[in-house]
């Protein structure tokens, strides 16, 4: 139960991170100045989702 709850949490974080990253990519394509805070948040979210995916795939083995 605990593992599945963690997996769901990581899925949610990964989806949010993906949305944020795609929005950031669109912003960079449009050449709009991008705030430093949003860049750091994006990096943190990307890191968390990366760790989440790693843990999830380790559980799948």
PDB file of N, CA and C in Angstrom:
ATOM      1  N   UNK A   1       0.845  -1.212   0.000  1.00  0.00           N
ATOM      2  CA  UNK A   1       0.000   0.000   0.000  1.00  0.00           C
ATOM      3  C   UNK A   1       0.873   1.252   0.000  1.00  0.00           C
ATOM      4  N   UNK A   2       1.906   1.228   0.854  1.00  0.00           N
ATOM      5  CA  UNK A   2       2.800   2.387   0.956  1.00  0.00           C
ATOM      6  C   UNK A   2       3.532   2.636  -0.369  1.00  0.00           C
ATOM      7  N   UNK A   3       3.978   1.542  -1.005  1.00  0.00           N
ATOM      8  CA  UNK A   3       4.701   1.662  -2.272  1.00  0.00           C
ATOM      9  C   UNK A   3       3.801   2.240  -3.363  1.00  0.00           C
ATOM     10  N   UNK A   4       2.573   1.754  -3.444  1.00  0.00           N
ATOM     11  CA  UNK A   4       1.666   2.234  -4.494  1.00  0.00           C
ATOM     12  C   UNK A   4       1.322   3.710  -4.280  1.00  0.00           C
ATOM     13  N   UNK A   5       1.158   4.119  -3.017  1.00  0.00           N
ATOM     14  CA  UNK A   5       0.901   5.539  -2.727  1.00  0.00           C
ATOM     15  C   UNK A   5       2.078   6.395  -3.175  1.00  0.00           C
ATOM     16  N   UNK A   6       3.296   5.921  -2.911  1.00  0.00           N
ATOM     17  CA  UNK A   6       4.500   6.635  -3.341  1.00  0.00           C
ATOM     18  C   UNK A   6       4.558   6.719  -4.855  1.00  0.00           C
ATOM     19  N   UNK A   7       4.215   5.615  -5.534  1.00  0.00           N
ATOM     20  CA  UNK A   7       4.226   5.592  -6.999  1.00  0.00           C
ATOM     21  C   UNK A   7       3.229   6.593  -7.561  1.00  0.00           C
ATOM     22  N   UNK A   8       2.025   6.651  -6.974  1.00  0.00           N
ATOM     23  CA  UNK A   8       1.001   7.607  -7.417  1.00  0.00           C
ATOM     24  C   UNK A   8       1.513   9.032  -7.225  1.00  0.00           C
ATOM     25  N   UNK A   9       2.126   9.297  -6.068  1.00  0.00           N
ATOM     26  CA  UNK A   9       2.681  10.620  -5.775  1.00  0.00           C
ATOM     27  C   UNK A   9       3.738  11.010  -6.806  1.00  0.00           C
ATOM     28  N   UNK A  10       4.633  10.058  -7.120  1.00  0.00           N
ATOM     29  CA  UNK A  10       5.676  10.321  -8.112  1.00  0.00           C
ATOM     30  C   UNK A  10       5.082  10.548  -9.493  1.00  0.00           C
ATOM     31  N   UNK A  11       4.026   9.790  -9.823  1.00  0.00           N
ATOM     32  CA  UNK A  11       3.346   9.989 -11.104  1.00  0.00           C
ATOM     33  C   UNK A  11       2.808  11.411 -11.204  1.00  0.00           C
ATOM     34  N   UNK A  12       2.134  11.872 -10.138  1.00  0.00           N
ATOM     35  CA  UNK A  12       1.551  13.221 -10.121  1.00  0.00           C
ATOM     36  C   UNK A  12       2.656  14.268 -10.282  1.00  0.00           C
ATOM     37  N   UNK A  13       3.737  14.110  -9.513  1.00  0.00           N
ATOM     38  CA  UNK A  13       4.860  15.055  -9.582  1.00  0.00           C
ATOM     39  C   UNK A  13       5.485  15.044 -10.973  1.00  0.00           C
ATOM     40  N   UNK A  14       5.624  13.841 -11.555  1.00  0.00           N
ATOM     41  CA  UNK A  14       6.217  13.714 -12.889  1.00  0.00           C
ATOM     42  C   UNK A  14       5.352  14.400 -13.940  1.00  0.00           C
ATOM     43  N   UNK A  15       4.026  14.236 -13.834  1.00  0.00           N
ATOM     44  CA  UNK A  15       3.103  14.879 -14.779  1.00  0.00           C
ATOM     45  C   UNK A  15       3.196  16.397 -14.653  1.00  0.00           C
ATOM     46  N   UNK A  16       3.203  16.895 -13.400  1.00  0.00           N
ATOM     47  CA  UNK A  16       3.315  18.342 -13.162  1.00  0.00           C
ATOM     48  C   UNK A  16       4.639  18.857 -13.736  1.00  0.00           C
ATOM     49  N   UNK A  17       5.718  18.125 -13.472  1.00  0.00           N
ATOM     50  CA  UNK A  17       7.037  18.517 -13.974  1.00  0.00           C
ATOM     51  C   UNK A  17       7.053  18.547 -15.494  1.00  0.00           C
ATOM     52  N   UNK A  18       6.408  17.550 -16.112  1.00  0.00           N
ATOM     53  CA  UNK A  18       6.347  17.492 -17.578  1.00  0.00           C
ATOM     54  C   UNK A  18       5.603  18.701 -18.136  1.00  0.00           C
ATOM     55  N   UNK A  19       4.477  19.049 -17.514  1.00  0.00           N
ATOM     56  CA  UNK A  19       3.690  20.212 -17.947  1.00  0.00           C
ATOM     57  C   UNK A  19       4.522  21.484 -17.805  1.00  0.00           C
ATOM     58  N   UNK A  20       5.168  21.647 -16.650  1.00  0.00           N
ATOM     59  CA  UNK A  20       5.990  22.838 -16.399  1.00  0.00           C
ATOM     60  C   UNK A  20       7.126  22.932 -17.418  1.00  0.00           C
ATOM     61  N   UNK A  21       7.764  21.789 -17.698  1.00  0.00           N
ATOM     62  CA  UNK A  21       8.877  21.776 -18.643  1.00  0.00           C
ATOM     63  C   UNK A  21       8.413  22.094 -20.060  1.00  0.00           C
ATOM     64  N   UNK A  22       7.250  21.568 -20.452  1.00  0.00           N
ATOM     65  CA  UNK A  22       6.742  21.866 -21.797  1.00  0.00           C
ATOM     66  C   UNK A  22       6.362  23.341 -21.924  1.00  0.00           C
ATOM     67  N   UNK A  23       5.768  23.905 -20.869  1.00  0.00           N
ATOM     68  CA  UNK A  23       5.440  25.337 -20.861  1.00  0.00           C
ATOM     69  C   UNK A  23       6.725  26.162 -20.968  1.00  0.00           C
ATOM     70  N   UNK A  24       7.745  25.752 -20.205  1.00  0.00           N
ATOM     71  CA  UNK A  24       9.033  26.448 -20.238  1.00  0.00           C
ATOM     72  C   UNK A  24       9.665  26.365 -21.626  1.00  0.00           C
ATOM     73  N   UNK A  25       9.531  25.209 -22.262  1.00  0.00           N
ATOM     74  CA  UNK A  25      10.073  25.031 -23.618  1.00  0.00           C
ATOM     75  C   UNK A  25       9.372  25.963 -24.601  1.00  0.00           C
ATOM     76  N   UNK A  26       8.049  26.052 -24.511  1.00  0.00           N
ATOM     77  CA  UNK A  26       7.271  26.955 -25.374  1.00  0.00           C
ATOM     78  C   UNK A  26       7.716  28.402 -25.135  1.00  0.00           C
ATOM     79  N   UNK A  27       7.879  28.767 -23.863  1.00  0.00           N
ATOM     80  CA  UNK A  27       8.330  30.120 -23.515  1.00  0.00           C
ATOM     81  C   UNK A  27       9.689  30.417 -24.137  1.00  0.00           C
ATOM     82  N   UNK A  28      10.606  29.455 -24.061  1.00  0.00           N
ATOM     83  CA  UNK A  28      11.946  29.664 -24.621  1.00  0.00           C
ATOM     84  C   UNK A  28      11.887  29.773 -26.149  1.00  0.00           C
ATOM     85  N   UNK A  29      10.967  29.041 -26.775  1.00  0.00           N
ATOM     86  CA  UNK A  29      10.793  29.123 -28.228  1.00  0.00           C
ATOM     87  C   UNK A  29      10.258  30.498 -28.631  1.00  0.00           C
ATOM     88  N   UNK A  30       9.373  31.052 -27.808  1.00  0.00           N
ATOM     89  CA  UNK A  30       8.780  32.360 -28.096  1.00  0.00           C
ATOM     90  C   UNK A  30       9.725  33.523 -27.765  1.00  0.00           C
ATOM     91  N   UNK A  31      10.878  33.186 -27.164  1.00  0.00           N
ATOM     92  CA  UNK A  31      11.913  34.187 -26.854  1.00  0.00           C
ATOM     93  C   UNK A  31      11.434  35.221 -25.823  1.00  0.00           C
ATOM     94  N   UNK A  32      10.614  34.762 -24.880  1.00  0.00           N
ATOM     95  CA  UNK A  32      10.153  35.630 -23.792  1.00  0.00           C
ATOM     96  C   UNK A  32      11.154  35.475 -22.639  1.00  0.00           C
ATOM     97  N   UNK A  33      11.600  36.568 -22.031  1.00  0.00           N
ATOM     98  CA  UNK A  33      12.522  36.441 -20.885  1.00  0.00           C
ATOM     99  C   UNK A  33      11.914  35.587 -19.771  1.00  0.00           C
ATOM    100  N   UNK A  34      12.681  34.616 -19.319  1.00  0.00           N
ATOM    101  CA  UNK A  34      12.172  33.623 -18.368  1.00  0.00           C
ATOM    102  C   UNK A  34      12.715  33.894 -16.966  1.00  0.00           C
ATOM    103  N   UNK A  35      11.841  34.057 -15.975  1.00  0.00           N
ATOM    104  CA  UNK A  35      12.307  34.360 -14.606  1.00  0.00           C
ATOM    105  C   UNK A  35      13.211  33.265 -14.041  1.00  0.00           C
ATOM    106  N   UNK A  36      14.210  33.690 -13.286  1.00  0.00           N
ATOM    107  CA  UNK A  36      15.188  32.755 -12.697  1.00  0.00           C
ATOM    108  C   UNK A  36      14.522  31.781 -11.728  1.00  0.00           C
ATOM    109  N   UNK A  37      13.537  32.260 -10.963  1.00  0.00           N
ATOM    110  CA  UNK A  37      12.844  31.431  -9.967  1.00  0.00           C
ATOM    111  C   UNK A  37      12.150  30.264 -10.659  1.00  0.00           C
ATOM    112  N   UNK A  38      11.481  30.549 -11.778  1.00  0.00           N
ATOM    113  CA  UNK A  38      10.788  29.492 -12.518  1.00  0.00           C
ATOM    114  C   UNK A  38      11.771  28.466 -13.065  1.00  0.00           C
ATOM    115  N   UNK A  39      12.955  28.926 -13.484  1.00  0.00           N
ATOM    116  CA  UNK A  39      13.984  27.999 -13.971  1.00  0.00           C
ATOM    117  C   UNK A  39      14.424  27.055 -12.857  1.00  0.00           C
ATOM    118  N   UNK A  40      14.635  27.608 -11.661  1.00  0.00           N
ATOM    119  CA  UNK A  40      15.066  26.764 -10.536  1.00  0.00           C
ATOM    120  C   UNK A  40      13.969  25.773 -10.154  1.00  0.00           C
ATOM    121  N   UNK A  41      12.709  26.240 -10.115  1.00  0.00           N
ATOM    122  CA  UNK A  41      11.580  25.359  -9.791  1.00  0.00           C
ATOM    123  C   UNK A  41      11.505  24.232 -10.819  1.00  0.00           C
ATOM    124  N   UNK A  42      11.676  24.578 -12.102  1.00  0.00           N
ATOM    125  CA  UNK A  42      11.638  23.589 -13.175  1.00  0.00           C
ATOM    126  C   UNK A  42      12.730  22.540 -12.980  1.00  0.00           C
ATOM    127  N   UNK A  43      13.942  22.991 -12.642  1.00  0.00           N
ATOM    128  CA  UNK A  43      15.055  22.062 -12.424  1.00  0.00           C
ATOM    129  C   UNK A  43      14.778  21.131 -11.245  1.00  0.00           C
ATOM    130  N   UNK A  44      14.233  21.686 -10.154  1.00  0.00           N
ATOM    131  CA  UNK A  44      13.914  20.886  -8.967  1.00  0.00           C
ATOM    132  C   UNK A  44      12.852  19.844  -9.310  1.00  0.00           C
ATOM    133  N   UNK A  45      11.786  20.272 -10.010  1.00  0.00           N
ATOM    134  CA  UNK A  45      10.723  19.352 -10.418  1.00  0.00           C
ATOM    135  C   UNK A  45      11.267  18.258 -11.329  1.00  0.00           C
ATOM    136  N   UNK A  46      12.125  18.633 -12.263  1.00  0.00           N
ATOM    137  CA  UNK A  46      12.721  17.651 -13.171  1.00  0.00           C
ATOM    138  C   UNK A  46      13.545  16.627 -12.387  1.00  0.00           C
ATOM    139  N   UNK A  47      14.297  17.106 -11.406  1.00  0.00           N
ATOM    140  CA  UNK A  47      15.092  16.216 -10.567  1.00  0.00           C
ATOM    141  C   UNK A  47      14.226  15.257  -9.768  1.00  0.00           C
ATOM    142  N   UNK A  48      13.163  15.777  -9.163  1.00  0.00           N
ATOM    143  CA  UNK A  48      12.251  14.954  -8.367  1.00  0.00           C
ATOM    144  C   UNK A  48      11.597  13.888  -9.242  1.00  0.00           C
ATOM    145  N   UNK A  49      11.115  14.291 -10.425  1.00  0.00           N
ATOM    146  CA  UNK A  49      10.448  13.332 -11.304  1.00  0.00           C
ATOM    147  C   UNK A  49      11.441  12.283 -11.805  1.00  0.00           C
ATOM    148  N   UNK A  50      12.688  12.705 -12.043  1.00  0.00           N
ATOM    149  CA  UNK A  50      13.722  11.758 -12.460  1.00  0.00           C
ATOM    150  C   UNK A  50      13.981  10.710 -11.387  1.00  0.00           C
ATOM    151  N   UNK A  51      14.091  11.151 -10.136  1.00  0.00           N
ATOM    152  CA  UNK A  51      14.285  10.235  -9.006  1.00  0.00           C
ATOM    153  C   UNK A  51      13.070   9.317  -8.879  1.00  0.00           C
ATOM    154  N   UNK A  52      11.879   9.904  -9.044  1.00  0.00           N
ATOM    155  CA  UNK A  52      10.633   9.130  -8.957  1.00  0.00           C
ATOM    156  C   UNK A  52      10.568   8.030  -9.992  1.00  0.00           C
ATOM    157  N   UNK A  53      10.921   8.361 -11.234  1.00  0.00           N
ATOM    158  CA  UNK A  53      10.932   7.357 -12.299  1.00  0.00           C
ATOM    159  C   UNK A  53      11.935   6.258 -11.993  1.00  0.00           C
ATOM    160  N   UNK A  54      13.118   6.636 -11.503  1.00  0.00           N
ATOM    161  CA  UNK A  54      14.158   5.654 -11.173  1.00  0.00           C
ATOM    162  C   UNK A  54      13.652   4.681 -10.109  1.00  0.00           C
ATOM    163  N   UNK A  55      13.048   5.217  -9.036  1.00  0.00           N
ATOM    164  CA  UNK A  55      12.526   4.386  -7.947  1.00  0.00           C
ATOM    165  C   UNK A  55      11.419   3.475  -8.475  1.00  0.00           C
ATOM    166  N   UNK A  56      10.529   4.040  -9.303  1.00  0.00           N
ATOM    167  CA  UNK A  56       9.408   3.268  -9.849  1.00  0.00           C
ATOM    168  C   UNK A  56       9.908   2.100 -10.689  1.00  0.00           C
ATOM    169  N   UNK A  57      10.899   2.346 -11.550  1.00  0.00           N
ATOM    170  CA  UNK A  57      11.411   1.280 -12.414  1.00  0.00           C
ATOM    171  C   UNK A  57      12.210   0.251 -11.620  1.00  0.00           C
ATOM    172  N   UNK A  58      12.824   0.665 -10.521  1.00  0.00           N
ATOM    173  CA  UNK A  58      13.504  -0.292  -9.642  1.00  0.00           C
ATOM    174  C   UNK A  58      12.485  -1.216  -8.981  1.00  0.00           C
ATOM    175  N   UNK A  59      11.312  -0.670  -8.632  1.00  0.00           N
ATOM    176  CA  UNK A  59      10.236  -1.471  -8.037  1.00  0.00           C
ATOM    177  C   UNK A  59       9.667  -2.459  -9.053  1.00  0.00           C
ATOM    178  N   UNK A  60       9.639  -2.082 -10.318  1.00  0.00           N
ATOM    179  CA  UNK A  60       9.059  -2.924 -11.364  1.00  0.00           C
ATOM    180  C   UNK A  60       9.894  -4.181 -11.618  1.00  0.00           C
ATOM    181  N   UNK A  61      11.211  -4.102 -11.384  1.00  0.00           N
ATOM    182  CA  UNK A  61      12.099  -5.240 -11.681  1.00  0.00           C
ATOM    183  C   UNK A  61      11.797  -6.454 -10.815  1.00  0.00           C
TER     184      UNK A  61
END
